[in-house]
PDB file of N, CA and C in Angstrom:
ATOM      1  N   MET A   1      83.726 128.708  97.031  1.00  0.00           N
ATOM      2  CA  MET A   1      83.160 127.966  95.918  1.00  0.00           C
ATOM      3  C   MET A   1      83.863 128.347  94.622  1.00  0.00           C
ATOM      4  N   SER A   2      84.063 127.382  93.791  1.00  0.00           N
ATOM      5  CA  SER A   2      84.702 127.653  92.511  1.00  0.00           C
ATOM      6  C   SER A   2      83.654 128.062  91.486  1.00  0.00           C
ATOM      7  N   GLU A   3      84.131 128.530  90.344  1.00  0.00           N
ATOM      8  CA  GLU A   3      83.221 128.949  89.276  1.00  0.00           C
ATOM      9  C   GLU A   3      82.433 127.767  88.733  1.00  0.00           C
ATOM     10  N   ARG A   4      83.042 126.604  88.692  1.00  0.00           N
ATOM     11  CA  ARG A   4      82.381 125.410  88.151  1.00  0.00           C
ATOM     12  C   ARG A   4      81.150 125.044  88.984  1.00  0.00           C
ATOM     13  N   GLU A   5      81.262 125.142  90.293  1.00  0.00           N
ATOM     14  CA  GLU A   5      80.141 124.808  91.168  1.00  0.00           C
ATOM     15  C   GLU A   5      79.031 125.841  91.058  1.00  0.00           C
ATOM     16  N   ASP A   6      79.378 127.112  90.819  1.00  0.00           N
ATOM     17  CA  ASP A   6      78.374 128.165  90.707  1.00  0.00           C
ATOM     18  C   ASP A   6      77.545 128.026  89.441  1.00  0.00           C
ATOM     19  N   LYS A   7      78.122 127.526  88.368  1.00  0.00           N
ATOM     20  CA  LYS A   7      77.439 127.458  87.079  1.00  0.00           C
ATOM     21  C   LYS A   7      76.577 126.212  86.907  1.00  0.00           C
ATOM     22  N   SER A   8      76.653 125.275  87.828  1.00  0.00           N
ATOM     23  CA  SER A   8      75.901 124.032  87.654  1.00  0.00           C
ATOM     24  C   SER A   8      74.406 124.279  87.842  1.00  0.00           C
ATOM     25  N   LEU A   9      73.612 123.557  87.055  1.00  0.00           N
ATOM     26  CA  LEU A   9      72.159 123.650  87.095  1.00  0.00           C
ATOM     27  C   LEU A   9      71.614 122.455  87.864  1.00  0.00           C
ATOM     28  N   ILE A  10      70.809 122.731  88.877  1.00  0.00           N
ATOM     29  CA  ILE A  10      70.258 121.662  89.701  1.00  0.00           C
ATOM     30  C   ILE A  10      68.753 121.602  89.485  1.00  0.00           C
ATOM     31  N   ILE A  11      68.274 120.435  89.036  1.00  0.00           N
ATOM     32  CA  ILE A  11      66.851 120.201  88.820  1.00  0.00           C
ATOM     33  C   ILE A  11      66.446 119.000  89.664  1.00  0.00           C
ATOM     34  N   PHE A  12      65.422 119.167  90.494  1.00  0.00           N
ATOM     35  CA  PHE A  12      64.935 118.123  91.392  1.00  0.00           C
ATOM     36  C   PHE A  12      66.048 117.563  92.269  1.00  0.00           C
ATOM     37  N   GLY A  13      66.967 118.419  92.691  1.00  0.00           N
ATOM     38  CA  GLY A  13      68.032 118.009  93.589  1.00  0.00           C
ATOM     39  C   GLY A  13      69.192 117.300  92.932  1.00  0.00           C
ATOM     40  N   ARG A  14      69.211 117.222  91.608  1.00  0.00           N
ATOM     41  CA  ARG A  14      70.314 116.566  90.892  1.00  0.00           C
ATOM     42  C   ARG A  14      71.020 117.570  90.003  1.00  0.00           C
ATOM     43  N   ASP A  15      72.329 117.485  89.974  1.00  0.00           N
ATOM     44  CA  ASP A  15      73.132 118.333  89.102  1.00  0.00           C
ATOM     45  C   ASP A  15      73.097 117.731  87.701  1.00  0.00           C
ATOM     46  N   VAL A  16      72.497 118.454  86.748  1.00  0.00           N
ATOM     47  CA  VAL A  16      72.311 117.890  85.408  1.00  0.00           C
ATOM     48  C   VAL A  16      73.629 117.722  84.654  1.00  0.00           C
ATOM     49  N   SER A  17      74.675 118.420  85.062  1.00  0.00           N
ATOM     50  CA  SER A  17      75.960 118.252  84.381  1.00  0.00           C
ATOM     51  C   SER A  17      76.591 116.898  84.699  1.00  0.00           C
ATOM     52  N   LYS A  18      76.121 116.237  85.741  1.00  0.00           N
ATOM     53  CA  LYS A  18      76.664 114.933  86.114  1.00  0.00           C
ATOM     54  C   LYS A  18      75.820 113.768  85.591  1.00  0.00           C
ATOM     55  N   ILE A  19      74.710 114.051  84.918  1.00  0.00           N
ATOM     56  CA  ILE A  19      73.869 112.997  84.355  1.00  0.00           C
ATOM     57  C   ILE A  19      74.443 112.602  82.992  1.00  0.00           C
ATOM     58  N   PRO A  20      74.825 111.327  82.800  1.00  0.00           N
ATOM     59  CA  PRO A  20      75.372 110.914  81.510  1.00  0.00           C
ATOM     60  C   PRO A  20      74.358 111.105  80.385  1.00  0.00           C
ATOM     61  N   CYS A  21      74.814 111.584  79.255  1.00  0.00           N
ATOM     62  CA  CYS A  21      74.027 111.741  78.025  1.00  0.00           C
ATOM     63  C   CYS A  21      73.060 112.925  78.051  1.00  0.00           C
ATOM     64  N   PHE A  22      72.919 113.629  79.152  1.00  0.00           N
ATOM     65  CA  PHE A  22      71.945 114.716  79.231  1.00  0.00           C
ATOM     66  C   PHE A  22      72.312 115.856  78.286  1.00  0.00           C
ATOM     67  N   ARG A  23      73.554 116.286  78.351  1.00  0.00           N
ATOM     68  CA  ARG A  23      73.988 117.433  77.549  1.00  0.00           C
ATOM     69  C   ARG A  23      73.872 117.147  76.056  1.00  0.00           C
ATOM     70  N   ASN A  24      74.408 116.023  75.616  1.00  0.00           N
ATOM     71  CA  ASN A  24      74.375 115.697  74.190  1.00  0.00           C
ATOM     72  C   ASN A  24      72.954 115.513  73.685  1.00  0.00           C
ATOM     73  N   SER A  25      72.114 114.871  74.477  1.00  0.00           N
ATOM     74  CA  SER A  25      70.720 114.674  74.065  1.00  0.00           C
ATOM     75  C   SER A  25      70.021 116.011  73.880  1.00  0.00           C
ATOM     76  N   LEU A  26      70.227 116.905  74.818  1.00  0.00           N
ATOM     77  CA  LEU A  26      69.586 118.214  74.743  1.00  0.00           C
ATOM     78  C   LEU A  26      70.112 119.022  73.557  1.00  0.00           C
ATOM     79  N   LEU A  27      71.417 118.990  73.336  1.00  0.00           N
ATOM     80  CA  LEU A  27      71.987 119.752  72.217  1.00  0.00           C
ATOM     81  C   LEU A  27      71.525 119.213  70.867  1.00  0.00           C
ATOM     82  N   TYR A  28      71.516 117.900  70.706  1.00  0.00           N
ATOM     83  CA  TYR A  28      71.032 117.322  69.449  1.00  0.00           C
ATOM     84  C   TYR A  28      69.550 117.612  69.254  1.00  0.00           C
ATOM     85  N   GLY A  29      68.780 117.557  70.331  1.00  0.00           N
ATOM     86  CA  GLY A  29      67.354 117.845  70.240  1.00  0.00           C
ATOM     87  C   GLY A  29      67.084 119.286  69.851  1.00  0.00           C
ATOM     88  N   ILE A  30      67.794 120.220  70.453  1.00  0.00           N
ATOM     89  CA  ILE A  30      67.609 121.639  70.132  1.00  0.00           C
ATOM     90  C   ILE A  30      67.997 121.914  68.686  1.00  0.00           C
ATOM     91  N   GLY A  31      69.154 121.421  68.286  1.00  0.00           N
ATOM     92  CA  GLY A  31      69.605 121.636  66.905  1.00  0.00           C
ATOM     93  C   GLY A  31      68.680 121.005  65.885  1.00  0.00           C
ATOM     94  N   GLY A  32      68.286 119.775  66.139  1.00  0.00           N
ATOM     95  CA  GLY A  32      67.396 119.077  65.213  1.00  0.00           C
ATOM     96  C   GLY A  32      66.020 119.705  65.152  1.00  0.00           C
ATOM     97  N   GLY A  33      65.484 120.108  66.305  1.00  0.00           N
ATOM     98  CA  GLY A  33      64.173 120.754  66.336  1.00  0.00           C
ATOM     99  C   GLY A  33      64.181 122.089  65.619  1.00  0.00           C
ATOM    100  N   LEU A  34      65.231 122.864  65.822  1.00  0.00           N
ATOM    101  CA  LEU A  34      65.352 124.157  65.146  1.00  0.00           C
ATOM    102  C   LEU A  34      65.458 123.975  63.634  1.00  0.00           C
ATOM    103  N   PHE A  35      66.281 123.038  63.215  1.00  0.00           N
ATOM    104  CA  PHE A  35      66.445 122.777  61.785  1.00  0.00           C
ATOM    105  C   PHE A  35      65.134 122.305  61.159  1.00  0.00           C
ATOM    106  N   CYS A  36      64.461 121.361  61.799  1.00  0.00           N
ATOM    107  CA  CYS A  36      63.199 120.834  61.253  1.00  0.00           C
ATOM    108  C   CYS A  36      62.124 121.912  61.192  1.00  0.00           C
ATOM    109  N   GLY A  37      62.054 122.759  62.227  1.00  0.00           N
ATOM    110  CA  GLY A  37      61.069 123.828  62.233  1.00  0.00           C
ATOM    111  C   GLY A  37      61.324 124.853  61.143  1.00  0.00           C
ATOM    112  N   LEU A  38      62.584 125.249  60.981  1.00  0.00           N
ATOM    113  CA  LEU A  38      62.925 126.209  59.920  1.00  0.00           C
ATOM    114  C   LEU A  38      62.698 125.608  58.538  1.00  0.00           C
ATOM    115  N   PHE A  39      63.048 124.358  58.369  1.00  0.00           N
ATOM    116  CA  PHE A  39      62.854 123.679  57.091  1.00  0.00           C
ATOM    117  C   PHE A  39      61.372 123.604  56.743  1.00  0.00           C
ATOM    118  N   ARG A  40      60.560 123.267  57.726  1.00  0.00           N
ATOM    119  CA  ARG A  40      59.110 123.193  57.502  1.00  0.00           C
ATOM    120  C   ARG A  40      58.538 124.578  57.173  1.00  0.00           C
ATOM    121  N   PHE A  41      59.031 125.616  57.854  1.00  0.00           N
ATOM    122  CA  PHE A  41      58.531 126.971  57.607  1.00  0.00           C
ATOM    123  C   PHE A  41      58.901 127.450  56.203  1.00  0.00           C
ATOM    124  N   MET A  42      60.097 127.073  55.745  1.00  0.00           N
ATOM    125  CA  MET A  42      60.531 127.500  54.412  1.00  0.00           C
ATOM    126  C   MET A  42      59.619 126.942  53.322  1.00  0.00           C
ATOM    127  N   PHE A  43      59.081 125.754  53.517  1.00  0.00           N
ATOM    128  CA  PHE A  43      58.265 125.133  52.477  1.00  0.00           C
ATOM    129  C   PHE A  43      56.764 125.353  52.647  1.00  0.00           C
ATOM    130  N   THR A  44      56.297 125.607  53.871  1.00  0.00           N
ATOM    131  CA  THR A  44      54.851 125.759  54.066  1.00  0.00           C
ATOM    132  C   THR A  44      54.431 127.179  54.409  1.00  0.00           C
ATOM    133  N   SER A  45      55.281 127.970  55.019  1.00  0.00           N
ATOM    134  CA  SER A  45      54.996 129.340  55.478  1.00  0.00           C
ATOM    135  C   SER A  45      53.854 129.396  56.488  1.00  0.00           C
ATOM    136  N   HIS A  46      53.597 128.309  57.177  1.00  0.00           N
ATOM    137  CA  HIS A  46      52.612 128.282  58.260  1.00  0.00           C
ATOM    138  C   HIS A  46      53.380 128.315  59.580  1.00  0.00           C
ATOM    139  N   THR A  47      53.318 129.461  60.253  1.00  0.00           N
ATOM    140  CA  THR A  47      54.119 129.655  61.456  1.00  0.00           C
ATOM    141  C   THR A  47      53.735 128.685  62.568  1.00  0.00           C
ATOM    142  N   LEU A  48      52.468 128.599  62.885  1.00  0.00           N
ATOM    143  CA  LEU A  48      52.029 127.757  63.994  1.00  0.00           C
ATOM    144  C   LEU A  48      52.341 126.279  63.740  1.00  0.00           C
ATOM    145  N   LYS A  49      52.103 125.813  62.524  1.00  0.00           N
ATOM    146  CA  LYS A  49      52.408 124.418  62.196  1.00  0.00           C
ATOM    147  C   LYS A  49      53.919 124.159  62.261  1.00  0.00           C
ATOM    148  N   SER A  50      54.700 125.154  61.852  1.00  0.00           N
ATOM    149  CA  SER A  50      56.152 124.999  61.888  1.00  0.00           C
ATOM    150  C   SER A  50      56.660 124.928  63.323  1.00  0.00           C
ATOM    151  N   VAL A  51      56.093 125.766  64.192  1.00  0.00           N
ATOM    152  CA  VAL A  51      56.502 125.738  65.598  1.00  0.00           C
ATOM    153  C   VAL A  51      56.106 124.407  66.238  1.00  0.00           C
ATOM    154  N   ASN A  52      54.896 123.950  65.962  1.00  0.00           N
ATOM    155  CA  ASN A  52      54.467 122.652  66.491  1.00  0.00           C
ATOM    156  C   ASN A  52      55.379 121.531  65.998  1.00  0.00           C
ATOM    157  N   PHE A  53      55.698 121.560  64.720  1.00  0.00           N
ATOM    158  CA  PHE A  53      56.584 120.548  64.141  1.00  0.00           C
ATOM    159  C   PHE A  53      57.967 120.618  64.782  1.00  0.00           C
ATOM    160  N   SER A  54      58.429 121.828  65.064  1.00  0.00           N
ATOM    161  CA  SER A  54      59.726 122.013  65.700  1.00  0.00           C
ATOM    162  C   SER A  54      59.740 121.406  67.106  1.00  0.00           C
ATOM    163  N   VAL A  55      58.685 121.644  67.867  1.00  0.00           N
ATOM    164  CA  VAL A  55      58.607 121.091  69.225  1.00  0.00           C
ATOM    165  C   VAL A  55      58.514 119.567  69.182  1.00  0.00           C
ATOM    166  N   TYR A  56      57.710 119.041  68.275  1.00  0.00           N
ATOM    167  CA  TYR A  56      57.608 117.584  68.135  1.00  0.00           C
ATOM    168  C   TYR A  56      58.953 116.979  67.728  1.00  0.00           C
ATOM    169  N   SER A  57      59.638 117.636  66.807  1.00  0.00           N
ATOM    170  CA  SER A  57      60.947 117.150  66.359  1.00  0.00           C
ATOM    171  C   SER A  57      61.946 117.181  67.505  1.00  0.00           C
ATOM    172  N   PHE A  58      61.947 118.281  68.260  1.00  0.00           N
ATOM    173  CA  PHE A  58      62.835 118.390  69.417  1.00  0.00           C
ATOM    174  C   PHE A  58      62.587 117.237  70.387  1.00  0.00           C
ATOM    175  N   SER A  59      61.331 116.987  70.691  1.00  0.00           N
ATOM    176  CA  SER A  59      60.987 115.928  71.643  1.00  0.00           C
ATOM    177  C   SER A  59      61.411 114.556  71.134  1.00  0.00           C
ATOM    178  N   PHE A  60      61.111 114.275  69.886  1.00  0.00           N
ATOM    179  CA  PHE A  60      61.429 112.977  69.302  1.00  0.00           C
ATOM    180  C   PHE A  60      62.943 112.759  69.224  1.00  0.00           C
ATOM    181  N   ILE A  61      63.675 113.761  68.752  1.00  0.00           N
ATOM    182  CA  ILE A  61      65.129 113.631  68.604  1.00  0.00           C
ATOM    183  C   ILE A  61      65.794 113.491  69.968  1.00  0.00           C
ATOM    184  N   THR A  62      65.377 114.312  70.936  1.00  0.00           N
ATOM    185  CA  THR A  62      65.960 114.238  72.275  1.00  0.00           C
ATOM    186  C   THR A  62      65.707 112.876  72.907  1.00  0.00           C
ATOM    187  N   LEU A  63      64.480 112.417  72.842  1.00  0.00           N
ATOM    188  CA  LEU A  63      64.139 111.124  73.428  1.00  0.00           C
ATOM    189  C   LEU A  63      64.864 109.978  72.717  1.00  0.00           C
ATOM    190  N   GLY A  64      64.910 110.026  71.398  1.00  0.00           N
ATOM    191  CA  GLY A  64      65.598 108.982  70.640  1.00  0.00           C
ATOM    192  C   GLY A  64      67.082 108.921  70.942  1.00  0.00           C
ATOM    193  N   TYR A  65      67.734 110.088  70.980  1.00  0.00           N
ATOM    194  CA  TYR A  65      69.163 110.108  71.274  1.00  0.00           C
ATOM    195  C   TYR A  65      69.419 109.696  72.716  1.00  0.00           C
ATOM    196  N   TRP A  66      68.556 110.111  73.647  1.00  0.00           N
ATOM    197  CA  TRP A  66      68.703 109.754  75.060  1.00  0.00           C
ATOM    198  C   TRP A  66      68.651 108.236  75.236  1.00  0.00           C
ATOM    199  N   ILE A  67      67.675 107.594  74.609  1.00  0.00           N
ATOM    200  CA  ILE A  67      67.522 106.140  74.736  1.00  0.00           C
ATOM    201  C   ILE A  67      68.741 105.421  74.161  1.00  0.00           C
ATOM    202  N   GLN A  68      69.173 105.844  72.985  1.00  0.00           N
ATOM    203  CA  GLN A  68      70.322 105.208  72.339  1.00  0.00           C
ATOM    204  C   GLN A  68      71.594 105.416  73.161  1.00  0.00           C
ATOM    205  N   CYS A  69      71.804 106.619  73.662  1.00  0.00           N
ATOM    206  CA  CYS A  69      73.012 106.933  74.424  1.00  0.00           C
ATOM    207  C   CYS A  69      73.033 106.191  75.761  1.00  0.00           C
ATOM    208  N   ARG A  70      71.903 106.159  76.451  1.00  0.00           N
ATOM    209  CA  ARG A  70      71.848 105.470  77.735  1.00  0.00           C
ATOM    210  C   ARG A  70      72.018 103.955  77.569  1.00  0.00           C
ATOM    211  N   TYR A  71      71.509 103.408  76.467  1.00  0.00           N
ATOM    212  CA  TYR A  71      71.701 101.982  76.202  1.00  0.00           C
ATOM    213  C   TYR A  71      73.186 101.681  76.034  1.00  0.00           C
ATOM    214  N   ASN A  72      73.871 102.475  75.226  1.00  0.00           N
ATOM    215  CA  ASN A  72      75.307 102.269  75.026  1.00  0.00           C
ATOM    216  C   ASN A  72      76.085 102.491  76.317  1.00  0.00           C
ATOM    217  N   TYR A  73      75.678 103.485  77.104  1.00  0.00           N
ATOM    218  CA  TYR A  73      76.334 103.764  78.383  1.00  0.00           C
ATOM    219  C   TYR A  73      76.189 102.574  79.331  1.00  0.00           C
ATOM    220  N   SER A  74      74.978 102.035  79.431  1.00  0.00           N
ATOM    221  CA  SER A  74      74.732 100.892  80.316  1.00  0.00           C
ATOM    222  C   SER A  74      75.495  99.657  79.848  1.00  0.00           C
ATOM    223  N   LYS A  75      75.518  99.444  78.548  1.00  0.00           N
ATOM    224  CA  LYS A  75      76.232  98.297  77.982  1.00  0.00           C
ATOM    225  C   LYS A  75      77.732  98.399  78.267  1.00  0.00           C
ATOM    226  N   THR A  76      78.303  99.570  78.074  1.00  0.00           N
ATOM    227  CA  THR A  76      79.722  99.781  78.337  1.00  0.00           C
ATOM    228  C   THR A  76      80.030  99.634  79.823  1.00  0.00           C
ATOM    229  N   LYS A  77      79.168 100.175  80.664  1.00  0.00           N
ATOM    230  CA  LYS A  77      79.372 100.075  82.110  1.00  0.00           C
ATOM    231  C   LYS A  77      79.330  98.616  82.563  1.00  0.00           C
ATOM    232  N   PHE A  78      78.382  97.841  82.019  1.00  0.00           N
ATOM    233  CA  PHE A  78      78.291  96.423  82.356  1.00  0.00           C
ATOM    234  C   PHE A  78      79.551  95.679  81.919  1.00  0.00           C
ATOM    235  N   GLU A  79      80.049  95.973  80.716  1.00  0.00           N
ATOM    236  CA  GLU A  79      81.262  95.319  80.223  1.00  0.00           C
ATOM    237  C   GLU A  79      82.469  95.675  81.082  1.00  0.00           C
ATOM    238  N   MET A  80      82.556  96.925  81.529  1.00  0.00           N
ATOM    239  CA  MET A  80      83.673  97.339  82.379  1.00  0.00           C
ATOM    240  C   MET A  80      83.618  96.650  83.744  1.00  0.00           C
ATOM    241  N   MET A  81      82.423  96.512  84.304  1.00  0.00           N
ATOM    242  CA  MET A  81      82.286  95.806  85.585  1.00  0.00           C
ATOM    243  C   MET A  81      82.674  94.340  85.431  1.00  0.00           C
ATOM    244  N   ARG A  82      82.264  93.739  84.328  1.00  0.00           N
ATOM    245  CA  ARG A  82      82.596  92.333  84.068  1.00  0.00           C
ATOM    246  C   ARG A  82      84.108  92.155  83.883  1.00  0.00           C
ATOM    247  N   LEU A  83      84.733  93.063  83.150  1.00  0.00           N
ATOM    248  CA  LEU A  83      86.174  93.007  82.941  1.00  0.00           C
ATOM    249  C   LEU A  83      86.925  93.202  84.255  1.00  0.00           C
ATOM    250  N   GLN A  84      86.447  94.121  85.089  1.00  0.00           N
ATOM    251  CA  GLN A  84      87.082  94.353  86.377  1.00  0.00           C
ATOM    252  C   GLN A  84      87.005  93.101  87.252  1.00  0.00           C
ATOM    253  N   GLU A  85      85.868  92.436  87.239  1.00  0.00           N
ATOM    254  CA  GLU A  85      85.705  91.197  88.008  1.00  0.00           C
ATOM    255  C   GLU A  85      86.643  90.112  87.488  1.00  0.00           C
ATOM    256  N   MET A  86      86.771  90.008  86.169  1.00  0.00           N
ATOM    257  CA  MET A  86      87.673  89.013  85.586  1.00  0.00           C
ATOM    258  C   MET A  86      89.122  89.299  85.961  1.00  0.00           C
ATOM    259  N   LEU A  87      89.515  90.571  85.957  1.00  0.00           N
ATOM    260  CA  LEU A  87      90.881  90.926  86.335  1.00  0.00           C
ATOM    261  C   LEU A  87      91.142  90.632  87.810  1.00  0.00           C
ATOM    262  N   GLN A  88      90.160  90.876  88.666  1.00  0.00           N
ATOM    263  CA  GLN A  88      90.317  90.554  90.083  1.00  0.00           C
ATOM    264  C   GLN A  88      90.459  89.050  90.281  1.00  0.00           C
ATOM    265  N   ASN A  89      89.645  88.270  89.578  1.00  0.00           N
ATOM    266  CA  ASN A  89      89.753  86.809  89.677  1.00  0.00           C
ATOM    267  C   ASN A  89      91.102  86.325  89.164  1.00  0.00           C
ATOM    268  N   HIS A  90      91.587  86.927  88.092  1.00  0.00           N
ATOM    269  CA  HIS A  90      92.893  86.546  87.548  1.00  0.00           C
ATOM    270  C   HIS A  90      93.995  86.863  88.554  1.00  0.00           C
ATOM    271  N   ALA A  91      93.896  88.017  89.213  1.00  0.00           N
ATOM    272  CA  ALA A  91      94.912  88.388  90.196  1.00  0.00           C
ATOM    273  C   ALA A  91      94.884  87.448  91.401  1.00  0.00           C
ATOM    274  N   ILE A  92      93.701  87.007  91.786  1.00  0.00           N
ATOM    275  CA  ILE A  92      93.581  86.089  92.928  1.00  0.00           C
ATOM    276  C   ILE A  92      94.136  84.711  92.578  1.00  0.00           C
ATOM    277  N   LEU A  93      93.844  84.224  91.367  1.00  0.00           N
ATOM    278  CA  LEU A  93      94.249  82.873  90.974  1.00  0.00           C
ATOM    279  C   LEU A  93      95.689  82.785  90.470  1.00  0.00           C
ATOM    280  N   GLU A  94      96.325  83.901  90.226  1.00  0.00           N
ATOM    281  CA  GLU A  94      97.665  83.892  89.638  1.00  0.00           C
ATOM    282  C   GLU A  94      98.651  83.177  90.567  1.00  0.00           C
ATOM    283  N   GLY A  95      99.349  82.193  90.018  1.00  0.00           N
ATOM    284  CA  GLY A  95     100.356  81.448  90.772  1.00  0.00           C
ATOM    285  C   GLY A  95      99.808  80.286  91.586  1.00  0.00           C
ATOM    286  N   THR A  96      98.547  79.978  91.456  1.00  0.00           N
ATOM    287  CA  THR A  96      97.965  78.858  92.206  1.00  0.00           C
ATOM    288  C   THR A  96      97.816  77.643  91.294  1.00  0.00           C
ATOM    289  N   GLN A  97      97.441  76.526  91.887  1.00  0.00           N
ATOM    290  CA  GLN A  97      97.249  75.309  91.103  1.00  0.00           C
ATOM    291  C   GLN A  97      96.034  75.427  90.192  1.00  0.00           C
ATOM    292  N   GLU A  98      95.023  76.169  90.635  1.00  0.00           N
ATOM    293  CA  GLU A  98      93.837  76.349  89.797  1.00  0.00           C
ATOM    294  C   GLU A  98      94.188  77.084  88.505  1.00  0.00           C
ATOM    295  N   ALA A  99      95.094  78.038  88.594  1.00  0.00           N
ATOM    296  CA  ALA A  99      95.504  78.772  87.399  1.00  0.00           C
ATOM    297  C   ALA A  99      96.238  77.846  86.431  1.00  0.00           C
ATOM    298  N   GLU A 100      97.047  76.942  86.967  1.00  0.00           N
ATOM    299  CA  GLU A 100      97.759  75.991  86.107  1.00  0.00           C
ATOM    300  C   GLU A 100      96.781  75.037  85.426  1.00  0.00           C
ATOM    301  N   ILE A 101      95.748  74.608  86.159  1.00  0.00           N
ATOM    302  CA  ILE A 101      94.732  73.719  85.574  1.00  0.00           C
ATOM    303  C   ILE A 101      93.992  74.439  84.448  1.00  0.00           C
ATOM    304  N   ILE A 102      93.639  75.689  84.676  1.00  0.00           N
ATOM    305  CA  ILE A 102      92.939  76.474  83.652  1.00  0.00           C
ATOM    306  C   ILE A 102      93.823  76.654  82.424  1.00  0.00           C
ATOM    307  N   GLU A 103      95.129  76.909  82.637  1.00  0.00           N
ATOM    308  CA  GLU A 103      96.056  77.064  81.512  1.00  0.00           C
ATOM    309  C   GLU A 103      96.150  75.779  80.698  1.00  0.00           C
ATOM    310  N   LYS A 104      96.181  74.634  81.363  1.00  0.00           N
ATOM    311  CA  LYS A 104      96.265  73.356  80.652  1.00  0.00           C
ATOM    312  C   LYS A 104      94.995  73.094  79.853  1.00  0.00           C
ATOM    313  N   GLU A 105      93.829  73.431  80.433  1.00  0.00           N
ATOM    314  CA  GLU A 105      92.560  73.210  79.734  1.00  0.00           C
ATOM    315  C   GLU A 105      92.425  74.117  78.516  1.00  0.00           C
ATOM    316  N   LEU A 106      92.840  75.362  78.657  1.00  0.00           N
ATOM    317  CA  LEU A 106      92.719  76.308  77.544  1.00  0.00           C
ATOM    318  C   LEU A 106      93.842  76.148  76.532  1.00  0.00           C
ATOM    319  N   GLY A 107      94.977  75.667  76.995  1.00  0.00           N
ATOM    320  CA  GLY A 107      96.105  75.487  76.094  1.00  0.00           C
ATOM    321  C   GLY A 107      96.867  76.773  75.829  1.00  0.00           C
ATOM    322  N   THR A 108      96.497  77.833  76.499  1.00  0.00           N
ATOM    323  CA  THR A 108      97.203  79.104  76.322  1.00  0.00           C
ATOM    324  C   THR A 108      97.473  79.717  77.680  1.00  0.00           C
ATOM    325  N   ARG A 109      98.398  80.601  77.681  1.00  0.00           N
ATOM    326  CA  ARG A 109      98.714  81.338  78.896  1.00  0.00           C
ATOM    327  C   ARG A 109      98.100  82.727  78.769  1.00  0.00           C
ATOM    328  N   PRO A 110      97.437  83.232  79.829  1.00  0.00           N
ATOM    329  CA  PRO A 110      96.858  84.573  79.750  1.00  0.00           C
ATOM    330  C   PRO A 110      97.933  85.633  79.534  1.00  0.00           C
ATOM    331  N   VAL A 111      97.560  86.696  78.912  1.00  0.00           N
ATOM    332  CA  VAL A 111      98.492  87.781  78.621  1.00  0.00           C
ATOM    333  C   VAL A 111      98.814  88.527  79.901  1.00  0.00           C
ATOM    334  N   ASP A 112     100.100  88.735  80.158  1.00  0.00           N
ATOM    335  CA  ASP A 112     100.506  89.510  81.331  1.00  0.00           C
ATOM    336  C   ASP A 112     100.394  90.988  81.020  1.00  0.00           C
ATOM    337  N   VAL A 113      99.908  91.715  82.000  1.00  0.00           N
ATOM    338  CA  VAL A 113      99.735  93.159  81.814  1.00  0.00           C
ATOM    339  C   VAL A 113     100.844  93.879  82.500  1.00  0.00           C
TER     340      VAL A 113
END
């Protein structure tokens, strides 16, 4: 086993290092929660309220970043699948009569890669 496999954290049978957006969401949540808790403590000097505020901030920031990141991830993945399908269709139609008909209708020739 390599060192990389030994250091991975497995929760509920899944390796969390392979979950998209998990690391960044957790890091932003920890940093934001710590900052908000310390900021609240500096102005109120109430330890328990500051800790509660820190935990709430951590939860809110982590969840908010997770939702935003996963939305962008899903959107990008969908666009890549769509582009891959279009490239496969272009490769299949290249040099056929259907491709010539499409070129005449569009008035342009597709860009060669």
